[in-house]
């Protein structure tokens, strides 16, 4: 064995080798490969900038609203309880427990967490056992002289092998940070799926209540028209009306019955949608049809908060993906530097199984193993370009999610305020229509007006009743949408994992 450093103490060999290879690694060329995208900050979104700043992984200061997590979210984590409908509460609890899509999100989270656990083990020492028992014929025309050459012998090896990859350049820690970012993103995705599921159940429930209220109006309309038909028949018998008025009155009955049938169909479809969300066929069969008036409106802030982006799990998931992609770029850069391992083995090796356990068969070894990329035909640069492109895509995906979130919240706020104003106007219009209808019926009964006036007044009343129900349902639906747009009460989990807990030997490197 050639001794390269005869005067250097053995304990200084590893640091000396690392320093030498670090100089050689300076030849690695990463120039001209950087991420070009930038994360949107609060000011560009028209939101008040948070007090703290953060960086996006390229080292750029970013007063990013998503990084300013709220200390308290004004939307309750179980905001639907404020509707005051125990039946809705049970449906949402059942959906969270049994919805297949939510279970898929949970499975993805478990998979991502397992990948993070695997990445964490890369920076720890390994130890494994080896037992090889081989019967082998040795070549007579190779390096083995007679009597070994040309003979058939039994070879045995029994030993322990150990290794420890020294993370001088941060390869393992950056890989761990990437895995943890993916795991945190999966956790946020699961939370976002839970918020979306709860809002979809609530919206479907409100839709069922709206259709049920419309059905009640349609049934009252049918009864009203049957009563009017009896009045017209009496007037025809008395010679006060003609068969024209009778036919007009009779024509309203099939129309009312057709509307009832259409509403029954829509109710069935709404219940099927609820069953699918809950994950249990026929779950709605045991429920009492909800009353729209029994669902209490909830009050939410009618403004977009400055820390909106810190309240939404989907935005947090996008941010975690940016962090993971940033760490992935850092990991790609470490591929340009040496890979240093400490390897060791100890055990027995012999020719002849009967000699394997004897002391003379003992063997051991320990020392560094170094791998240095010198010529990779552009593979490392291509890999870095790909990872940088992935980071750009993650940042732009985050920007898209941020813009969609602001638009979503703005839409819900605008709709909530508009529906309130529409309801005030609709109530006045319905009161006027009801009064006009009563007058028309009284005048017709007294022979002072014709039946056409009754039909016209009735059409206006029915339209206003349906409009009132639709607006009441829209108000509730908008409140659900606003609760979801403001994050649905989500808060970042204190159990979110970071790479800061990972410790390993690491040298500070910089690109020349």
Protein backbone atom coordinates (compact mmCIF):
# COMPACT_ATOMS: atom_id res chain seq x y z
CA UNK A 1 0.00 0.00 0.00
CA UNK A 2 1.42 3.43 -0.95
CA UNK A 3 1.45 5.92 1.91
CA UNK A 4 0.65 9.34 0.47
CA UNK A 5 0.91 11.35 3.69
CA UNK A 6 3.56 9.68 5.85
CA UNK A 7 4.12 12.64 8.16
CA UNK A 8 0.47 13.58 8.70
CA UNK A 9 -1.15 12.23 11.89
CA UNK A 10 -3.80 9.64 11.18
CA UNK A 11 -6.53 11.61 12.95
CA UNK A 12 -5.87 14.55 10.58
CA UNK A 13 -6.24 12.51 7.38
CA UNK A 14 -9.99 12.98 6.96
CA UNK A 15 -9.98 16.78 7.44
CA UNK A 16 -6.98 17.07 5.13
CA UNK A 17 -8.67 15.01 2.44
CA UNK A 18 -11.88 17.04 2.82
CA UNK A 19 -9.99 20.32 2.47
CA UNK A 20 -8.11 19.09 -0.58
CA UNK A 21 -11.26 17.89 -2.28
CA UNK A 22 -13.03 21.12 -1.48
CA UNK A 23 -10.34 22.95 -3.48
CA UNK A 24 -10.77 20.49 -6.33
CA UNK A 25 -14.52 20.92 -6.17
CA UNK A 26 -14.05 24.59 -6.92
CA UNK A 27 -13.71 23.54 -10.53
CA UNK A 28 -17.40 22.50 -10.56
CA UNK A 29 -19.27 25.03 -12.68
CA UNK A 30 -22.79 26.03 -11.60
CA UNK A 31 -22.69 29.51 -13.09
CA UNK A 32 -25.66 30.86 -15.01
CA UNK A 33 -28.20 28.43 -13.51
CA UNK A 34 -30.62 30.17 -11.16
CA UNK A 35 -34.31 30.40 -10.49
CA UNK A 36 -35.92 33.40 -12.18
CA UNK A 37 -39.40 33.43 -10.59
CA UNK A 38 -40.28 35.53 -7.55
CA UNK A 39 -43.02 35.00 -5.01
CA UNK A 40 -45.74 37.66 -4.91
CA UNK A 41 -45.71 39.82 -1.82
CA UNK A 42 -48.57 41.44 0.06
CA UNK A 43 -48.08 44.87 -1.50
CA UNK A 44 -48.52 43.51 -5.04
CA UNK A 45 -51.83 41.98 -3.96
CA UNK A 46 -53.22 45.15 -2.43
CA UNK A 47 -52.98 43.70 1.06
CA UNK A 48 -51.32 45.37 4.01
CA UNK A 49 -47.78 44.09 4.33
CA UNK A 50 -47.08 41.98 7.44
CA UNK A 51 -44.55 43.21 9.94
CA UNK A 52 -42.08 40.38 9.44
CA UNK A 53 -40.12 39.45 6.32
CA UNK A 54 -39.03 36.14 4.91
CA UNK A 55 -36.95 34.91 2.05
CA UNK A 56 -38.03 32.76 -0.85
CA UNK A 57 -35.03 30.49 -1.10
CA UNK A 58 -33.15 32.60 -3.60
CA UNK A 59 -32.16 34.89 -0.76
CA UNK A 60 -34.55 37.66 -1.81
CA UNK A 61 -36.30 39.48 0.99
CA UNK A 62 -40.00 38.85 0.55
CA UNK A 63 -42.58 40.46 2.80
CA UNK A 64 -44.83 37.59 1.99
CA UNK A 65 -48.29 37.54 3.47
CA UNK A 66 -48.27 33.75 3.61
CA UNK A 67 -45.36 33.79 6.01
CA UNK A 68 -47.17 36.02 8.48
CA UNK A 69 -49.36 33.38 10.08
CA UNK A 70 -52.25 34.78 12.12
CA UNK A 71 -52.10 34.50 15.87
CA UNK A 72 -55.83 33.89 15.94
CA UNK A 73 -58.19 33.09 13.10
CA UNK A 74 -61.58 34.79 13.49
CA UNK A 75 -63.19 31.93 11.56
CA UNK A 76 -63.83 29.04 13.93
CA UNK A 77 -62.32 25.69 13.03
CA UNK A 78 -65.89 24.34 13.28
CA UNK A 79 -67.60 27.37 11.84
CA UNK A 80 -70.62 25.34 10.71
CA UNK A 81 -71.71 24.92 14.34
CA UNK A 82 -72.79 28.55 14.27
CA UNK A 83 -75.56 27.67 11.80
CA UNK A 84 -77.30 26.01 14.75
CA UNK A 85 -78.36 22.86 12.87
CA UNK A 86 -77.37 19.65 14.72
CA UNK A 87 -78.26 17.57 11.67
CA UNK A 88 -75.73 19.49 9.56
CA UNK A 89 -73.13 19.09 12.31
CA UNK A 90 -73.56 15.31 12.25
CA UNK A 91 -73.33 15.20 8.45
CA UNK A 92 -70.03 17.09 8.38
CA UNK A 93 -68.58 14.93 11.15
CA UNK A 94 -69.62 11.82 9.22
CA UNK A 95 -68.12 13.20 6.00
CA UNK A 96 -64.77 13.96 7.66
CA UNK A 97 -64.73 10.42 8.98
CA UNK A 98 -65.76 8.54 5.86
CA UNK A 99 -65.21 10.58 2.69
CA UNK A 100 -62.94 8.54 0.35
CA UNK A 101 -61.24 11.59 -1.17
CA UNK A 102 -60.25 12.80 2.28
CA UNK A 103 -58.89 9.36 3.08
CA UNK A 104 -56.80 9.55 -0.10
CA UNK A 105 -55.35 12.86 1.11
CA UNK A 106 -54.54 11.29 4.48
CA UNK A 107 -52.84 8.35 2.76
CA UNK A 108 -50.72 10.76 0.71
CA UNK A 109 -49.73 12.51 3.92
CA UNK A 110 -48.68 9.22 5.50
CA UNK A 111 -46.63 8.40 2.40
CA UNK A 112 -44.92 11.80 2.42
CA UNK A 113 -44.12 11.50 6.12
CA UNK A 114 -42.61 8.06 5.51
CA UNK A 115 -40.43 9.53 2.74
CA UNK A 116 -39.24 12.20 5.17
CA UNK A 117 -38.36 9.50 7.69
CA UNK A 118 -36.36 7.68 5.01
CA UNK A 119 -34.52 10.90 4.09
CA UNK A 120 -33.69 11.53 7.74
CA UNK A 121 -31.91 8.18 8.05
CA UNK A 122 -29.50 9.09 5.22
CA UNK A 123 -27.37 11.15 7.58
CA UNK A 124 -27.02 8.46 10.21
CA UNK A 125 -24.52 5.61 10.50
CA UNK A 126 -25.51 2.22 9.12
CA UNK A 127 -24.53 -1.28 10.23
CA UNK A 128 -25.39 -4.57 8.56
CA UNK A 129 -24.34 -8.17 8.78
CA UNK A 130 -22.89 -10.28 5.98
CA UNK A 131 -22.61 -14.03 5.59
CA UNK A 132 -21.34 -15.48 2.28
CA UNK A 133 -20.78 -19.22 1.84
CA UNK A 134 -19.53 -20.15 -1.65
CA UNK A 135 -18.15 -23.29 -3.29
CA UNK A 136 -15.89 -22.07 -6.13
CA UNK A 137 -13.52 -23.46 -8.75
CA UNK A 138 -10.44 -21.23 -9.17
CA UNK A 139 -8.98 -20.70 -12.64
CA UNK A 140 -5.60 -22.25 -13.37
CA UNK A 141 -4.79 -19.38 -15.76
CA UNK A 142 -5.52 -16.44 -13.51
CA UNK A 143 -3.80 -14.75 -10.57
CA UNK A 144 -4.08 -17.73 -8.28
CA UNK A 145 -1.07 -20.07 -8.30
CA UNK A 146 -1.24 -23.80 -7.63
CA UNK A 147 -2.41 -25.50 -5.58
CA UNK A 148 -5.21 -22.87 -5.29
CA UNK A 149 -5.40 -22.39 -9.04
CA UNK A 150 -7.41 -25.16 -10.67
CA UNK A 151 -8.85 -26.37 -7.36
CA UNK A 152 -12.36 -26.30 -6.01
CA UNK A 153 -12.58 -24.64 -2.63
CA UNK A 154 -15.15 -23.42 -0.16
CA UNK A 155 -15.06 -19.70 0.66
CA UNK A 156 -16.68 -18.17 3.71
CA UNK A 157 -17.11 -14.60 4.92
CA UNK A 158 -18.80 -13.56 8.15
CA UNK A 159 -18.55 -9.89 9.09
CA UNK A 160 -20.20 -6.65 10.08
CA UNK A 161 -20.13 -3.72 7.64
CA UNK A 162 -20.61 -0.15 8.73
CA UNK A 163 -20.76 3.19 6.99
CA UNK A 164 -21.43 6.83 7.67
CA UNK A 165 -21.84 9.44 4.98
CA UNK A 166 -20.34 12.69 6.25
CA UNK A 167 -22.62 15.49 5.16
CA UNK A 168 -19.91 18.11 4.70
CA UNK A 169 -21.70 19.82 1.84
CA UNK A 170 -25.31 19.51 2.99
CA UNK A 171 -26.52 16.88 0.54
CA UNK A 172 -28.38 14.84 3.13
CA UNK A 173 -29.74 17.82 5.04
CA UNK A 174 -31.06 19.43 1.84
CA UNK A 175 -32.64 16.14 0.80
CA UNK A 176 -34.26 15.94 4.22
CA UNK A 177 -35.52 19.52 3.91
CA UNK A 178 -37.03 18.61 0.52
CA UNK A 179 -38.81 15.60 1.98
CA UNK A 180 -40.05 17.58 4.97
CA UNK A 181 -41.36 20.31 2.68
CA UNK A 182 -43.28 17.70 0.71
CA UNK A 183 -44.62 16.18 3.94
CA UNK A 184 -45.74 19.58 5.23
CA UNK A 185 -47.37 20.30 1.87
CA UNK A 186 -49.22 16.98 2.04
CA UNK A 187 -50.41 17.83 5.57
CA UNK A 188 -51.65 21.23 4.39
CA UNK A 189 -53.33 19.56 1.39
CA UNK A 190 -55.16 17.21 3.75
CA UNK A 191 -56.29 20.18 5.83
CA UNK A 192 -57.40 22.04 2.70
CA UNK A 193 -59.35 18.96 1.58
CA UNK A 194 -61.04 18.84 4.99
CA UNK A 195 -62.04 22.51 4.78
CA UNK A 196 -63.34 22.04 1.23
CA UNK A 197 -65.26 18.91 2.21
CA UNK A 198 -66.98 20.67 5.13
CA UNK A 199 -67.94 23.60 2.91
CA UNK A 200 -69.27 21.29 0.17
CA UNK A 201 -71.41 19.40 2.68
CA UNK A 202 -72.76 22.68 4.06
CA UNK A 203 -73.49 24.02 0.58
CA UNK A 204 -75.25 20.83 -0.48
CA UNK A 205 -77.28 20.91 2.73
CA UNK A 206 -78.28 24.54 2.08
CA UNK A 207 -79.19 23.59 -1.48
CA UNK A 208 -81.43 20.81 -0.17
CA UNK A 209 -83.05 23.28 2.23
CA UNK A 210 -83.59 25.75 -0.64
CA UNK A 211 -85.26 23.13 -2.80
CA UNK A 212 -87.38 21.99 0.14
CA UNK A 213 -88.55 25.58 0.70
CA UNK A 214 -89.28 25.93 -3.01
CA UNK A 215 -91.26 22.70 -2.82
CA UNK A 216 -93.33 24.11 0.04
CA UNK A 217 -94.07 27.22 -2.06
CA UNK A 218 -95.01 25.04 -5.03
CA UNK A 219 -97.39 23.00 -2.87
CA UNK A 220 -98.97 26.15 -1.44
CA UNK A 221 -99.31 27.41 -5.00
CA UNK A 222 -101.08 24.20 -6.05
CA UNK A 223 -103.48 24.44 -3.11
CA UNK A 224 -104.10 28.12 -3.90
CA UNK A 225 -104.87 27.35 -7.52
CA UNK A 226 -107.21 24.53 -6.55
CA UNK A 227 -109.07 26.96 -4.31
CA UNK A 228 -109.20 29.53 -7.09
CA UNK A 229 -110.53 26.87 -9.48
CA UNK A 230 -113.39 26.16 -7.10
CA UNK A 231 -114.20 29.88 -6.99
CA UNK A 232 -114.17 30.12 -10.80
CA UNK A 233 -116.44 27.08 -11.12
CA UNK A 234 -118.93 28.65 -8.72
CA UNK A 235 -118.88 31.87 -10.74
CA UNK A 236 -119.34 29.97 -14.01
CA UNK A 237 -122.30 28.08 -12.52
CA UNK A 238 -123.77 31.39 -11.43
CA UNK A 239 -123.28 32.81 -14.93
CA UNK A 240 -120.79 35.41 -13.74
CA UNK A 241 -117.84 34.01 -15.72
CA UNK A 242 -117.33 32.23 -19.02
CA UNK A 243 -115.61 28.98 -19.88
CA UNK A 244 -112.55 31.06 -20.86
CA UNK A 245 -111.85 31.92 -17.21
CA UNK A 246 -112.53 28.28 -16.28
CA UNK A 247 -109.99 26.98 -18.80
CA UNK A 248 -107.44 29.55 -17.66
CA UNK A 249 -107.88 28.42 -14.07
CA UNK A 250 -107.69 24.72 -14.95
CA UNK A 251 -104.45 25.26 -16.92
CA UNK A 252 -102.61 26.41 -13.81
CA UNK A 253 -102.96 23.04 -12.04
CA UNK A 254 -100.80 20.87 -14.36
CA UNK A 255 -98.17 23.61 -14.35
CA UNK A 256 -98.01 23.61 -10.55
CA UNK A 257 -97.88 19.80 -10.42
CA UNK A 258 -95.06 19.75 -13.01
CA UNK A 259 -93.06 22.21 -10.89
CA UNK A 260 -93.54 20.00 -7.81
CA UNK A 261 -92.27 16.97 -9.69
CA UNK A 262 -89.24 18.90 -10.96
CA UNK A 263 -88.39 20.02 -7.43
CA UNK A 264 -88.74 16.47 -6.13
CA UNK A 265 -86.23 15.35 -8.75
CA UNK A 266 -83.77 18.09 -7.76
CA UNK A 267 -84.16 17.19 -4.09
CA UNK A 268 -83.34 13.57 -4.86
CA UNK A 269 -80.19 14.65 -6.72
CA UNK A 270 -79.16 16.95 -3.86
CA UNK A 271 -79.58 14.11 -1.37
CA UNK A 272 -77.51 11.81 -3.57
CA UNK A 273 -74.77 14.45 -3.64
CA UNK A 274 -74.82 14.58 0.16
CA UNK A 275 -74.63 10.79 0.34
CA UNK A 276 -71.54 10.84 -1.88
CA UNK A 277 -69.86 13.54 0.21
CA UNK A 278 -70.59 11.69 3.41
CA UNK A 279 -69.33 8.46 1.88
CA UNK A 280 -72.43 6.49 2.85
CA UNK A 281 -75.18 5.61 0.35
CA UNK A 282 -78.68 6.47 1.57
CA UNK A 283 -77.28 8.45 4.50
CA UNK A 284 -79.81 11.22 3.82
CA UNK A 285 -82.77 8.83 3.94
CA UNK A 286 -82.84 8.94 7.73
CA UNK A 287 -82.64 12.75 7.86
CA UNK A 288 -85.45 15.23 8.31
CA UNK A 289 -85.76 17.59 5.33
CA UNK A 290 -83.98 20.76 6.44
CA UNK A 291 -85.86 24.01 6.90
CA UNK A 292 -84.15 27.02 5.38
CA UNK A 293 -85.49 29.31 8.08
CA UNK A 294 -84.02 27.07 10.81
CA UNK A 295 -80.43 27.57 9.56
CA UNK A 296 -79.19 30.64 11.39
CA UNK A 297 -77.03 33.06 9.40
CA UNK A 298 -73.52 33.54 10.70
CA UNK A 299 -71.67 36.84 10.82
CA UNK A 300 -68.22 36.99 9.23
CA UNK A 301 -65.90 39.91 8.63
CA UNK A 302 -66.88 41.56 5.35
CA UNK A 303 -63.31 42.54 4.44
CA UNK A 304 -60.19 40.79 3.22
CA UNK A 305 -57.73 40.55 6.15
CA UNK A 306 -54.08 41.39 5.59
CA UNK A 307 -53.01 37.95 6.80
CA UNK A 308 -55.48 36.11 4.55
CA UNK A 309 -52.77 34.05 2.89
CA UNK A 310 -51.58 32.74 6.23
CA UNK A 311 -55.05 31.44 7.04
CA UNK A 312 -55.52 29.17 4.03
CA UNK A 313 -54.21 25.62 3.98
CA UNK A 314 -53.99 25.56 0.17
CA UNK A 315 -51.69 28.60 0.20
CA UNK A 316 -49.58 27.01 2.93
CA UNK A 317 -49.31 23.84 0.82
CA UNK A 318 -48.10 25.88 -2.16
CA UNK A 319 -45.57 27.67 0.04
CA UNK A 320 -44.28 24.38 1.43
CA UNK A 321 -43.80 23.15 -2.13
CA UNK A 322 -41.70 26.22 -2.87
CA UNK A 323 -39.59 25.42 0.20
CA UNK A 324 -39.24 21.81 -0.92
CA UNK A 325 -38.24 22.88 -4.45
CA UNK A 326 -35.73 25.35 -3.00
CA UNK A 327 -34.14 22.58 -0.94
CA UNK A 328 -34.14 20.36 -4.01
CA UNK A 329 -32.12 22.98 -5.90
CA UNK A 330 -29.67 23.12 -2.98
CA UNK A 331 -29.41 19.34 -3.11
CA UNK A 332 -28.67 19.46 -6.86
CA UNK A 333 -25.83 21.88 -6.15
CA UNK A 334 -24.29 19.53 -3.60
CA UNK A 335 -23.93 16.94 -6.36
CA UNK A 336 -21.08 19.08 -7.71
CA UNK A 337 -19.06 18.44 -4.53
CA UNK A 338 -17.32 15.31 -3.23
CA UNK A 339 -19.16 12.52 -1.50
CA UNK A 340 -17.25 11.45 1.63
CA UNK A 341 -18.04 8.29 3.58
CA UNK A 342 -16.46 6.53 6.51
CA UNK A 343 -16.57 2.79 5.94
CA UNK A 344 -15.55 -0.05 8.24
CA UNK A 345 -15.83 -3.80 8.43
CA UNK A 346 -14.85 -6.49 10.93
CA UNK A 347 -15.34 -10.24 10.78
CA UNK A 348 -13.91 -13.48 9.44
CA UNK A 349 -12.97 -14.69 5.98
CA UNK A 350 -11.46 -18.06 5.06
CA UNK A 351 -10.90 -20.68 2.43
CA UNK A 352 -12.68 -23.66 3.84
CA UNK A 353 -15.76 -23.45 5.99
CA UNK A 354 -14.01 -25.22 8.88
CA UNK A 355 -11.53 -22.34 9.13
CA UNK A 356 -14.13 -19.55 9.19
CA UNK A 357 -14.53 -19.17 12.95
CA UNK A 358 -10.82 -19.46 13.81
CA UNK A 359 -8.89 -16.44 15.06
CA UNK A 360 -6.53 -16.51 12.12
CA UNK A 361 -9.47 -15.78 9.78
CA UNK A 362 -10.22 -12.47 11.46
CA UNK A 363 -10.14 -9.34 9.32
CA UNK A 364 -11.08 -5.72 9.71
CA UNK A 365 -10.72 -2.41 7.95
CA UNK A 366 -11.65 1.23 8.37
CA UNK A 367 -11.10 4.35 6.31
CA UNK A 368 -12.62 7.09 4.19
CA UNK A 369 -14.25 6.54 0.82
CA UNK A 370 -14.34 9.58 -1.43
CA UNK A 371 -16.16 10.09 -4.71
CA UNK A 372 -15.50 13.26 -6.68
CA UNK A 373 -17.36 14.26 -9.87
CA UNK A 374 -14.79 15.32 -12.47
CA UNK A 375 -16.43 14.81 -15.84
CA UNK A 376 -20.19 14.14 -15.99
CA UNK A 377 -20.84 15.19 -19.61
CA UNK A 378 -23.20 17.97 -18.44
CA UNK A 379 -25.38 15.66 -16.35
CA UNK A 380 -25.01 17.68 -13.16
CA UNK A 381 -25.69 21.01 -14.88
CA UNK A 382 -28.71 19.55 -16.66
CA UNK A 383 -30.02 18.21 -13.36
CA UNK A 384 -29.54 21.63 -11.72
CA UNK A 385 -31.33 23.35 -14.60
CA UNK A 386 -34.23 20.94 -14.18
CA UNK A 387 -34.44 21.52 -10.43
CA UNK A 388 -34.28 25.30 -10.94
CA UNK A 389 -37.11 25.01 -13.45
CA UNK A 390 -39.09 23.00 -10.89
CA UNK A 391 -38.53 25.81 -8.38
CA UNK A 392 -39.75 28.38 -10.90
CA UNK A 393 -42.85 26.27 -11.50
CA UNK A 394 -43.48 25.92 -7.75
CA UNK A 395 -43.13 29.68 -7.22
CA UNK A 396 -45.47 30.51 -10.10
CA UNK A 397 -47.95 27.89 -8.86
CA UNK A 398 -47.82 29.61 -5.50
CA UNK A 399 -48.45 32.96 -7.18
CA UNK A 400 -51.45 31.50 -9.03
CA UNK A 401 -52.82 30.08 -5.78
CA UNK A 402 -52.33 33.44 -4.06
CA UNK A 403 -54.11 35.36 -6.81
CA UNK A 404 -56.96 32.82 -6.85
CA UNK A 405 -57.27 33.10 -3.07
CA UNK A 406 -57.51 36.89 -3.16
CA UNK A 407 -60.04 36.73 -6.01
CA UNK A 408 -62.04 34.06 -4.18
CA UNK A 409 -62.19 36.09 -0.97
CA UNK A 410 -63.02 39.28 -2.90
CA UNK A 411 -65.85 37.51 -4.75
CA UNK A 412 -67.33 36.12 -1.55
CA UNK A 413 -67.17 39.48 0.22
CA UNK A 414 -68.77 41.26 -2.75
CA UNK A 415 -71.51 38.63 -3.02
CA UNK A 416 -72.23 38.68 0.72
CA UNK A 417 -72.71 42.46 0.74
CA UNK A 418 -74.72 42.44 -2.47
CA UNK A 419 -77.05 39.66 -1.29
CA UNK A 420 -77.80 41.61 1.88
CA UNK A 421 -78.85 44.63 -0.18
CA UNK A 422 -80.84 42.45 -2.58
CA UNK A 423 -82.70 40.83 0.30
CA UNK A 424 -83.78 44.20 1.66
CA UNK A 425 -85.19 45.19 -1.74
CA UNK A 426 -86.78 41.80 -2.30
CA UNK A 427 -88.65 41.91 1.00
CA UNK A 428 -90.25 45.21 0.01
CA UNK A 429 -91.11 43.86 -3.44
CA UNK A 430 -92.68 40.71 -1.99
CA UNK A 431 -94.78 42.68 0.48
CA UNK A 432 -96.11 44.84 -2.37
CA UNK A 433 -96.83 41.79 -4.56
CA UNK A 434 -98.69 39.99 -1.76
CA UNK A 435 -100.82 43.06 -1.11
CA UNK A 436 -101.62 43.45 -4.82
CA UNK A 437 -102.58 39.78 -5.06
CA UNK A 438 -105.01 40.05 -2.14
CA UNK A 439 -106.62 43.07 -3.71
CA UNK A 440 -106.93 41.31 -7.09
CA UNK A 441 -108.59 38.26 -5.51
CA UNK A 442 -111.00 40.43 -3.52
CA UNK A 443 -111.94 42.46 -6.60
CA UNK A 444 -112.45 39.33 -8.64
CA UNK A 445 -114.62 37.76 -5.92
CA UNK A 446 -116.69 40.92 -5.82
CA UNK A 447 -117.06 40.99 -9.58
CA UNK A 448 -115.04 44.20 -9.93
CA UNK A 449 -112.12 42.69 -11.84
CA UNK A 450 -111.37 39.90 -14.31
CA UNK A 451 -109.44 36.70 -13.73
CA UNK A 452 -106.51 37.89 -15.83
CA UNK A 453 -105.72 40.41 -13.10
CA UNK A 454 -105.66 37.57 -10.55
CA UNK A 455 -103.29 35.51 -12.69
CA UNK A 456 -100.95 38.47 -13.19
CA UNK A 457 -100.88 39.27 -9.49
CA UNK A 458 -100.37 35.62 -8.60
CA UNK A 459 -97.44 35.32 -11.02
CA UNK A 460 -95.74 38.28 -9.33
CA UNK A 461 -96.29 36.79 -5.87
CA UNK A 462 -94.89 33.39 -6.83
CA UNK A 463 -91.86 34.98 -8.47
CA UNK A 464 -91.15 37.01 -5.32
CA UNK A 465 -91.58 34.01 -3.05
CA UNK A 466 -89.13 32.00 -5.12
CA UNK A 467 -86.74 34.93 -5.28
CA UNK A 468 -86.88 35.33 -1.50
CA UNK A 469 -86.02 31.69 -0.98
CA UNK A 470 -83.19 31.83 -3.49
CA UNK A 471 -81.72 34.93 -1.87
CA UNK A 472 -81.96 33.41 1.60
CA UNK A 473 -80.16 30.31 0.34
CA UNK A 474 -77.58 32.46 -1.47
CA UNK A 475 -76.93 34.37 1.72
CA UNK A 476 -76.18 31.13 3.58
CA UNK A 477 -74.18 29.75 0.66
CA UNK A 478 -72.11 32.95 0.51
CA UNK A 479 -71.43 32.70 4.23
CA UNK A 480 -70.16 29.17 3.69
CA UNK A 481 -68.03 30.36 0.77
CA UNK A 482 -66.63 33.26 2.79
CA UNK A 483 -65.75 30.98 5.71
CA UNK A 484 -63.91 28.72 3.28
CA UNK A 485 -62.22 31.63 1.45
CA UNK A 486 -60.93 32.96 4.78
CA UNK A 487 -59.34 29.60 5.53
CA UNK A 488 -62.14 27.72 7.27
CA UNK A 489 -60.51 28.26 10.65
CA UNK A 490 -57.30 26.52 9.59
CA UNK A 491 -54.17 27.08 11.64
CA UNK A 492 -50.71 25.70 10.90
CA UNK A 493 -50.07 22.59 12.93
CA UNK A 494 -47.45 22.94 15.68
CA UNK A 495 -46.28 19.50 14.60
CA UNK A 496 -45.08 20.75 11.21
CA UNK A 497 -41.59 19.33 10.86
CA UNK A 498 -38.52 21.29 9.81
CA UNK A 499 -34.99 20.32 8.97
CA UNK A 500 -33.64 22.39 11.88
CA UNK A 501 -33.83 19.36 14.13
CA UNK A 502 -31.44 17.49 11.83
CA UNK A 503 -27.80 17.73 12.84
CA UNK A 504 -24.86 16.43 10.83
CA UNK A 505 -21.31 17.53 10.01
CA UNK A 506 -21.57 20.28 7.43
CA UNK A 507 -19.01 22.59 5.88
CA UNK A 508 -19.79 26.05 4.62
CA UNK A 509 -19.29 26.18 0.87
CA UNK A 510 -19.59 28.91 -1.68
CA UNK A 511 -19.48 28.87 -5.43
CA UNK A 512 -16.32 30.46 -6.83
